[in-house]
Amino acid sequence: DYFVQAEGYKTTAPQSGHGDPGKPVSIS
């Protein structure tokens, strides 16, 4: 699970992801 926060912005709601060994995961 991940979330993002930055000054001057609303903190994102928690999001989910999945990673497999040795395979990069890209998120935007």
PDB file of all heavy atoms in Angstrom:
ATOM      1  N   ASP A   1       0.856  -1.183   0.000  1.00  0.00           N
ATOM      2  CA  ASP A   1       0.000   0.000   0.000  1.00  0.00           C
ATOM      3  C   ASP A   1       0.890   1.230   0.000  1.00  0.00           C
ATOM      4  O   ASP A   1       1.990   1.200   0.566  1.00  0.00           O
ATOM      5  CB  ASP A   1      -0.894   0.030   1.248  1.00  0.00           C
ATOM      6  CG  ASP A   1      -1.882  -1.118   1.274  1.00  0.00           C
ATOM      7  OD1 ASP A   1      -2.425  -1.456   0.211  1.00  0.00           O
ATOM      8  OD2 ASP A   1      -2.104  -1.680   2.361  1.00  0.00           O
ATOM      9  N   TYR A   2       0.421   2.303  -0.629  1.00  0.00           N
ATOM     10  CA  TYR A   2       1.207   3.529  -0.667  1.00  0.00           C
ATOM     11  C   TYR A   2       0.298   4.747  -0.689  1.00  0.00           C
ATOM     12  O   TYR A   2      -0.876   4.654  -1.059  1.00  0.00           O
ATOM     13  CB  TYR A   2       2.148   3.544  -1.875  1.00  0.00           C
ATOM     14  CG  TYR A   2       1.436   3.598  -3.220  1.00  0.00           C
ATOM     15  CD1 TYR A   2       1.184   4.813  -3.847  1.00  0.00           C
ATOM     16  CD2 TYR A   2       1.017   2.428  -3.856  1.00  0.00           C
ATOM     17  CE1 TYR A   2       0.536   4.873  -5.068  1.00  0.00           C
ATOM     18  CE2 TYR A   2       0.369   2.481  -5.076  1.00  0.00           C
ATOM     19  CZ  TYR A   2       0.134   3.702  -5.680  1.00  0.00           C
ATOM     20  OH  TYR A   2      -0.513   3.756  -6.882  1.00  0.00           O
ATOM     21  N   PHE A   3       0.856   5.867  -0.243  1.00  0.00           N
ATOM     22  CA  PHE A   3       0.188   7.154  -0.373  1.00  0.00           C
ATOM     23  C   PHE A   3       1.259   8.205  -0.608  1.00  0.00           C
ATOM     24  O   PHE A   3       2.450   7.971  -0.388  1.00  0.00           O
ATOM     25  CB  PHE A   3      -0.689   7.477   0.845  1.00  0.00           C
ATOM     26  CG  PHE A   3       0.069   7.671   2.128  1.00  0.00           C
ATOM     27  CD1 PHE A   3       0.503   8.931   2.508  1.00  0.00           C
ATOM     28  CD2 PHE A   3       0.345   6.598   2.967  1.00  0.00           C
ATOM     29  CE1 PHE A   3       1.204   9.120   3.694  1.00  0.00           C
ATOM     30  CE2 PHE A   3       1.033   6.772   4.151  1.00  0.00           C
ATOM     31  CZ  PHE A   3       1.468   8.033   4.514  1.00  0.00           C
ATOM     32  N   VAL A   4       0.818   9.373  -1.091  1.00  0.00           N
ATOM     33  CA  VAL A   4       1.755  10.447  -1.436  1.00  0.00           C
ATOM     34  C   VAL A   4       1.275  11.737  -0.791  1.00  0.00           C
ATOM     35  O   VAL A   4       0.078  12.040  -0.780  1.00  0.00           O
ATOM     36  CB  VAL A   4       1.848  10.626  -2.964  1.00  0.00           C
ATOM     37  CG1 VAL A   4       2.810  11.739  -3.328  1.00  0.00           C
ATOM     38  CG2 VAL A   4       2.265   9.319  -3.632  1.00  0.00           C
ATOM     39  N   GLN A   5       2.233  12.495  -0.264  1.00  0.00           N
ATOM     40  CA  GLN A   5       1.914  13.803   0.308  1.00  0.00           C
ATOM     41  C   GLN A   5       2.976  14.804  -0.115  1.00  0.00           C
ATOM     42  O   GLN A   5       4.130  14.451  -0.314  1.00  0.00           O
ATOM     43  CB  GLN A   5       1.802  13.724   1.830  1.00  0.00           C
ATOM     44  CG  GLN A   5       3.018  13.174   2.521  1.00  0.00           C
ATOM     45  CD  GLN A   5       2.744  12.858   3.984  1.00  0.00           C
ATOM     46  OE1 GLN A   5       1.618  12.553   4.366  1.00  0.00           O
ATOM     47  NE2 GLN A   5       3.776  12.924   4.792  1.00  0.00           N
ATOM     48  N   ALA A   6       2.542  16.044  -0.287  1.00  0.00           N
ATOM     49  CA  ALA A   6       3.452  17.130  -0.656  1.00  0.00           C
ATOM     50  C   ALA A   6       2.871  18.431  -0.132  1.00  0.00           C
ATOM     51  O   ALA A   6       1.639  18.599  -0.048  1.00  0.00           O
ATOM     52  CB  ALA A   6       3.628  17.203  -2.175  1.00  0.00           C
ATOM     53  N   GLU A   7       3.768  19.338   0.200  1.00  0.00           N
ATOM     54  CA  GLU A   7       3.336  20.634   0.721  1.00  0.00           C
ATOM     55  C   GLU A   7       2.483  21.353  -0.321  1.00  0.00           C
ATOM     56  O   GLU A   7       2.832  21.425  -1.492  1.00  0.00           O
ATOM     57  CB  GLU A   7       4.553  21.484   1.065  1.00  0.00           C
ATOM     58  CG  GLU A   7       4.194  22.758   1.801  1.00  0.00           C
ATOM     59  CD  GLU A   7       5.422  23.504   2.297  1.00  0.00           C
ATOM     60  OE1 GLU A   7       6.429  22.866   2.619  1.00  0.00           O
ATOM     61  OE2 GLU A   7       5.338  24.733   2.356  1.00  0.00           O
ATOM     62  N   GLY A   8       1.329  21.850   0.125  1.00  0.00           N
ATOM     63  CA  GLY A   8       0.424  22.572  -0.754  1.00  0.00           C
ATOM     64  C   GLY A   8      -0.557  21.682  -1.494  1.00  0.00           C
ATOM     65  O   GLY A   8      -1.358  22.164  -2.292  1.00  0.00           O
ATOM     66  N   TYR A   9      -0.507  20.361  -1.250  1.00  0.00           N
ATOM     67  CA  TYR A   9      -1.386  19.404  -1.925  1.00  0.00           C
ATOM     68  C   TYR A   9      -2.105  18.545  -0.896  1.00  0.00           C
ATOM     69  O   TYR A   9      -1.636  18.361   0.226  1.00  0.00           O
ATOM     70  CB  TYR A   9      -0.576  18.481  -2.843  1.00  0.00           C
ATOM     71  CG  TYR A   9       0.027  19.178  -4.031  1.00  0.00           C
ATOM     72  CD1 TYR A   9       1.297  19.735  -3.951  1.00  0.00           C
ATOM     73  CD2 TYR A   9      -0.672  19.287  -5.222  1.00  0.00           C
ATOM     74  CE1 TYR A   9       1.867  20.375  -5.037  1.00  0.00           C
ATOM     75  CE2 TYR A   9      -0.114  19.924  -6.319  1.00  0.00           C
ATOM     76  CZ  TYR A   9       1.152  20.469  -6.216  1.00  0.00           C
ATOM     77  OH  TYR A   9       1.703  21.110  -7.288  1.00  0.00           O
ATOM     78  N   LYS A  10      -3.240  17.980  -1.317  1.00  0.00           N
ATOM     79  CA  LYS A  10      -3.958  17.026  -0.476  1.00  0.00           C
ATOM     80  C   LYS A  10      -3.215  15.697  -0.510  1.00  0.00           C
ATOM     81  O   LYS A  10      -2.721  15.275  -1.550  1.00  0.00           O
ATOM     82  CB  LYS A  10      -5.375  16.817  -1.006  1.00  0.00           C
ATOM     83  CG  LYS A  10      -6.251  18.046  -0.926  1.00  0.00           C
ATOM     84  CD  LYS A  10      -7.619  17.747  -1.516  1.00  0.00           C
ATOM     85  CE  LYS A  10      -8.465  19.012  -1.536  1.00  0.00           C
ATOM     86  NZ  LYS A  10      -9.747  18.779  -2.222  1.00  0.00           N
ATOM     87  N   THR A  11      -3.148  15.039   0.645  1.00  0.00           N
ATOM     88  CA  THR A  11      -2.554  13.702   0.708  1.00  0.00           C
ATOM     89  C   THR A  11      -3.474  12.734  -0.026  1.00  0.00           C
ATOM     90  O   THR A  11      -4.693  12.790   0.117  1.00  0.00           O
ATOM     91  CB  THR A  11      -2.383  13.268   2.174  1.00  0.00           C
ATOM     92  OG1 THR A  11      -1.514  14.210   2.822  1.00  0.00           O
ATOM     93  CG2 THR A  11      -1.787  11.879   2.280  1.00  0.00           C
ATOM     94  N   THR A  12      -2.886  11.863  -0.821  1.00  0.00           N
ATOM     95  CA  THR A  12      -3.694  10.907  -1.575  1.00  0.00           C
ATOM     96  C   THR A  12      -4.292   9.866  -0.639  1.00  0.00           C
ATOM     97  O   THR A  12      -3.756   9.583   0.438  1.00  0.00           O
ATOM     98  CB  THR A  12      -2.865  10.166  -2.640  1.00  0.00           C
ATOM     99  OG1 THR A  12      -1.858   9.389  -2.001  1.00  0.00           O
ATOM    100  CG2 THR A  12      -2.241  11.130  -3.623  1.00  0.00           C
ATOM    101  N   ALA A  13      -5.382   9.284  -1.070  1.00  0.00           N
ATOM    102  CA  ALA A  13      -5.939   8.140  -0.362  1.00  0.00           C
ATOM    103  C   ALA A  13      -4.983   6.968  -0.572  1.00  0.00           C
ATOM    104  O   ALA A  13      -4.289   6.905  -1.584  1.00  0.00           O
ATOM    105  CB  ALA A  13      -7.321   7.800  -0.921  1.00  0.00           C
ATOM    106  N   PRO A  14      -4.926   6.052   0.373  1.00  0.00           N
ATOM    107  CA  PRO A  14      -4.048   4.888   0.190  1.00  0.00           C
ATOM    108  C   PRO A  14      -4.408   4.115  -1.085  1.00  0.00           C
ATOM    109  O   PRO A  14      -5.582   3.918  -1.391  1.00  0.00           O
ATOM    110  CB  PRO A  14      -4.299   4.039   1.434  1.00  0.00           C
ATOM    111  CG  PRO A  14      -4.809   5.008   2.453  1.00  0.00           C
ATOM    112  CD  PRO A  14      -5.591   6.030   1.675  1.00  0.00           C
ATOM    113  N   GLN A  15      -3.389   3.713  -1.811  1.00  0.00           N
ATOM    114  CA  GLN A  15      -3.539   2.928  -3.029  1.00  0.00           C
ATOM    115  C   GLN A  15      -2.830   1.595  -2.818  1.00  0.00           C
ATOM    116  O   GLN A  15      -1.968   1.478  -1.962  1.00  0.00           O
ATOM    117  CB  GLN A  15      -2.899   3.653  -4.218  1.00  0.00           C
ATOM    118  CG  GLN A  15      -3.463   5.030  -4.485  1.00  0.00           C
ATOM    119  CD  GLN A  15      -4.873   4.963  -5.030  1.00  0.00           C
ATOM    120  OE1 GLN A  15      -5.175   4.156  -5.889  1.00  0.00           O
ATOM    121  NE2 GLN A  15      -5.741   5.809  -4.504  1.00  0.00           N
ATOM    122  N   SER A  16      -3.156   0.610  -3.630  1.00  0.00           N
ATOM    123  CA  SER A  16      -2.514  -0.699  -3.535  1.00  0.00           C
ATOM    124  C   SER A  16      -1.722  -0.983  -4.793  1.00  0.00           C
ATOM    125  O   SER A  16      -2.054  -0.504  -5.878  1.00  0.00           O
ATOM    126  CB  SER A  16      -3.558  -1.804  -3.349  1.00  0.00           C
ATOM    127  OG  SER A  16      -4.199  -1.647  -2.120  1.00  0.00           O
ATOM    128  N   GLY A  17      -0.687  -1.772  -4.636  1.00  0.00           N
ATOM    129  CA  GLY A  17       0.109  -2.211  -5.767  1.00  0.00           C
ATOM    130  C   GLY A  17       0.601  -3.616  -5.515  1.00  0.00           C
ATOM    131  O   GLY A  17       0.433  -4.176  -4.429  1.00  0.00           O
ATOM    132  N   HIS A  18       1.218  -4.186  -6.540  1.00  0.00           N
ATOM    133  CA  HIS A  18       1.777  -5.533  -6.425  1.00  0.00           C
ATOM    134  C   HIS A  18       3.103  -5.570  -7.165  1.00  0.00           C
ATOM    135  O   HIS A  18       3.203  -5.089  -8.295  1.00  0.00           O
ATOM    136  CB  HIS A  18       0.824  -6.572  -7.018  1.00  0.00           C
ATOM    137  CG  HIS A  18       1.364  -7.961  -6.909  1.00  0.00           C
ATOM    138  ND1 HIS A  18       1.201  -8.724  -5.785  1.00  0.00           N
ATOM    139  CD2 HIS A  18       2.096  -8.710  -7.771  1.00  0.00           C
ATOM    140  CE1 HIS A  18       1.798  -9.892  -5.970  1.00  0.00           C
ATOM    141  NE2 HIS A  18       2.355  -9.908  -7.164  1.00  0.00           N
ATOM    142  N   GLY A  19       4.110  -6.138  -6.508  1.00  0.00           N
ATOM    143  CA  GLY A  19       5.416  -6.261  -7.125  1.00  0.00           C
ATOM    144  C   GLY A  19       5.883  -7.697  -7.152  1.00  0.00           C
ATOM    145  O   GLY A  19       5.686  -8.440  -6.199  1.00  0.00           O
ATOM    146  N   ASP A  20       6.465  -8.097  -8.271  1.00  0.00           N
ATOM    147  CA  ASP A  20       7.064  -9.414  -8.410  1.00  0.00           C
ATOM    148  C   ASP A  20       8.576  -9.271  -8.355  1.00  0.00           C
ATOM    149  O   ASP A  20       9.119  -8.276  -8.848  1.00  0.00           O
ATOM    150  CB  ASP A  20       6.652 -10.055  -9.740  1.00  0.00           C
ATOM    151  CG  ASP A  20       5.167 -10.381  -9.787  1.00  0.00           C
ATOM    152  OD1 ASP A  20       4.640 -10.879  -8.773  1.00  0.00           O
ATOM    153  OD2 ASP A  20       4.536 -10.130 -10.834  1.00  0.00           O
ATOM    154  N   PRO A  21       9.281 -10.245  -7.791  1.00  0.00           N
ATOM    155  CA  PRO A  21      10.741 -10.146  -7.677  1.00  0.00           C
ATOM    156  C   PRO A  21      11.397  -9.876  -9.033  1.00  0.00           C
ATOM    157  O   PRO A  21      11.093 -10.535 -10.025  1.00  0.00           O
ATOM    158  CB  PRO A  21      11.158 -11.509  -7.138  1.00  0.00           C
ATOM    159  CG  PRO A  21       9.947 -12.068  -6.492  1.00  0.00           C
ATOM    160  CD  PRO A  21       8.787 -11.515  -7.259  1.00  0.00           C
ATOM    161  N   GLY A  22      12.265  -8.886  -9.047  1.00  0.00           N
ATOM    162  CA  GLY A  22      13.028  -8.581 -10.250  1.00  0.00           C
ATOM    163  C   GLY A  22      12.268  -7.856 -11.342  1.00  0.00           C
ATOM    164  O   GLY A  22      12.826  -7.576 -12.397  1.00  0.00           O
ATOM    165  N   LYS A  23      10.989  -7.570 -11.135  1.00  0.00           N
ATOM    166  CA  LYS A  23      10.202  -6.862 -12.151  1.00  0.00           C
ATOM    167  C   LYS A  23       9.826  -5.490 -11.620  1.00  0.00           C
ATOM    168  O   LYS A  23       9.146  -5.385 -10.604  1.00  0.00           O
ATOM    169  CB  LYS A  23       8.935  -7.640 -12.496  1.00  0.00           C
ATOM    170  CG  LYS A  23       9.201  -8.971 -13.163  1.00  0.00           C
ATOM    171  CD  LYS A  23       7.906  -9.648 -13.517  1.00  0.00           C
ATOM    172  CE  LYS A  23       8.178 -10.996 -14.153  1.00  0.00           C
ATOM    173  NZ  LYS A  23       6.927 -11.704 -14.431  1.00  0.00           N
ATOM    174  N   PRO A  24      10.267  -4.424 -12.297  1.00  0.00           N
ATOM    175  CA  PRO A  24       9.917  -3.083 -11.809  1.00  0.00           C
ATOM    176  C   PRO A  24       8.424  -2.805 -11.934  1.00  0.00           C
ATOM    177  O   PRO A  24       7.755  -3.295 -12.842  1.00  0.00           O
ATOM    178  CB  PRO A  24      10.727  -2.145 -12.696  1.00  0.00           C
ATOM    179  CG  PRO A  24      11.207  -2.951 -13.834  1.00  0.00           C
ATOM    180  CD  PRO A  24      11.110  -4.396 -13.467  1.00  0.00           C
ATOM    181  N   VAL A  25       7.927  -2.027 -10.989  1.00  0.00           N
ATOM    182  CA  VAL A  25       6.530  -1.591 -10.973  1.00  0.00           C
ATOM    183  C   VAL A  25       6.532  -0.097 -11.241  1.00  0.00           C
ATOM    184  O   VAL A  25       7.290   0.651 -10.610  1.00  0.00           O
ATOM    185  CB  VAL A  25       5.883  -1.878  -9.602  1.00  0.00           C
ATOM    186  CG1 VAL A  25       4.461  -1.355  -9.555  1.00  0.00           C
ATOM    187  CG2 VAL A  25       5.942  -3.351  -9.267  1.00  0.00           C
ATOM    188  N   SER A  26       5.717   0.366 -12.170  1.00  0.00           N
ATOM    189  CA  SER A  26       5.623   1.799 -12.470  1.00  0.00           C
ATOM    190  C   SER A  26       4.274   2.325 -12.013  1.00  0.00           C
ATOM    191  O   SER A  26       3.243   1.724 -12.292  1.00  0.00           O
ATOM    192  CB  SER A  26       5.766   2.040 -13.983  1.00  0.00           C
ATOM    193  OG  SER A  26       7.062   1.702 -14.398  1.00  0.00           O
ATOM    194  N   ILE A  27       4.318   3.459 -11.301  1.00  0.00           N
ATOM    195  CA  ILE A  27       3.078   4.099 -10.883  1.00  0.00           C
ATOM    196  C   ILE A  27       3.157   5.592 -11.203  1.00  0.00           C
ATOM    197  O   ILE A  27       4.243   6.170 -11.249  1.00  0.00           O
ATOM    198  CB  ILE A  27       2.760   3.879  -9.395  1.00  0.00           C
ATOM    199  CG1 ILE A  27       3.867   4.415  -8.494  1.00  0.00           C
ATOM    200  CG2 ILE A  27       2.520   2.422  -9.100  1.00  0.00           C
ATOM    201  CD1 ILE A  27       3.540   4.311  -7.010  1.00  0.00           C
ATOM    202  N   SER A  28       2.009   6.158 -11.441  1.00  0.00           N
ATOM    203  CA  SER A  28       1.894   7.589 -11.691  1.00  0.00           C
ATOM    204  C   SER A  28       0.842   8.126 -10.733  1.00  0.00           C
ATOM    205  O   SER A  28      -0.243   7.545 -10.612  1.00  0.00           O
ATOM    206  CB  SER A  28       1.476   7.830 -13.146  1.00  0.00           C
ATOM    207  OG  SER A  28       1.407   9.202 -13.407  1.00  0.00           O
TER     208      SER A  28
END
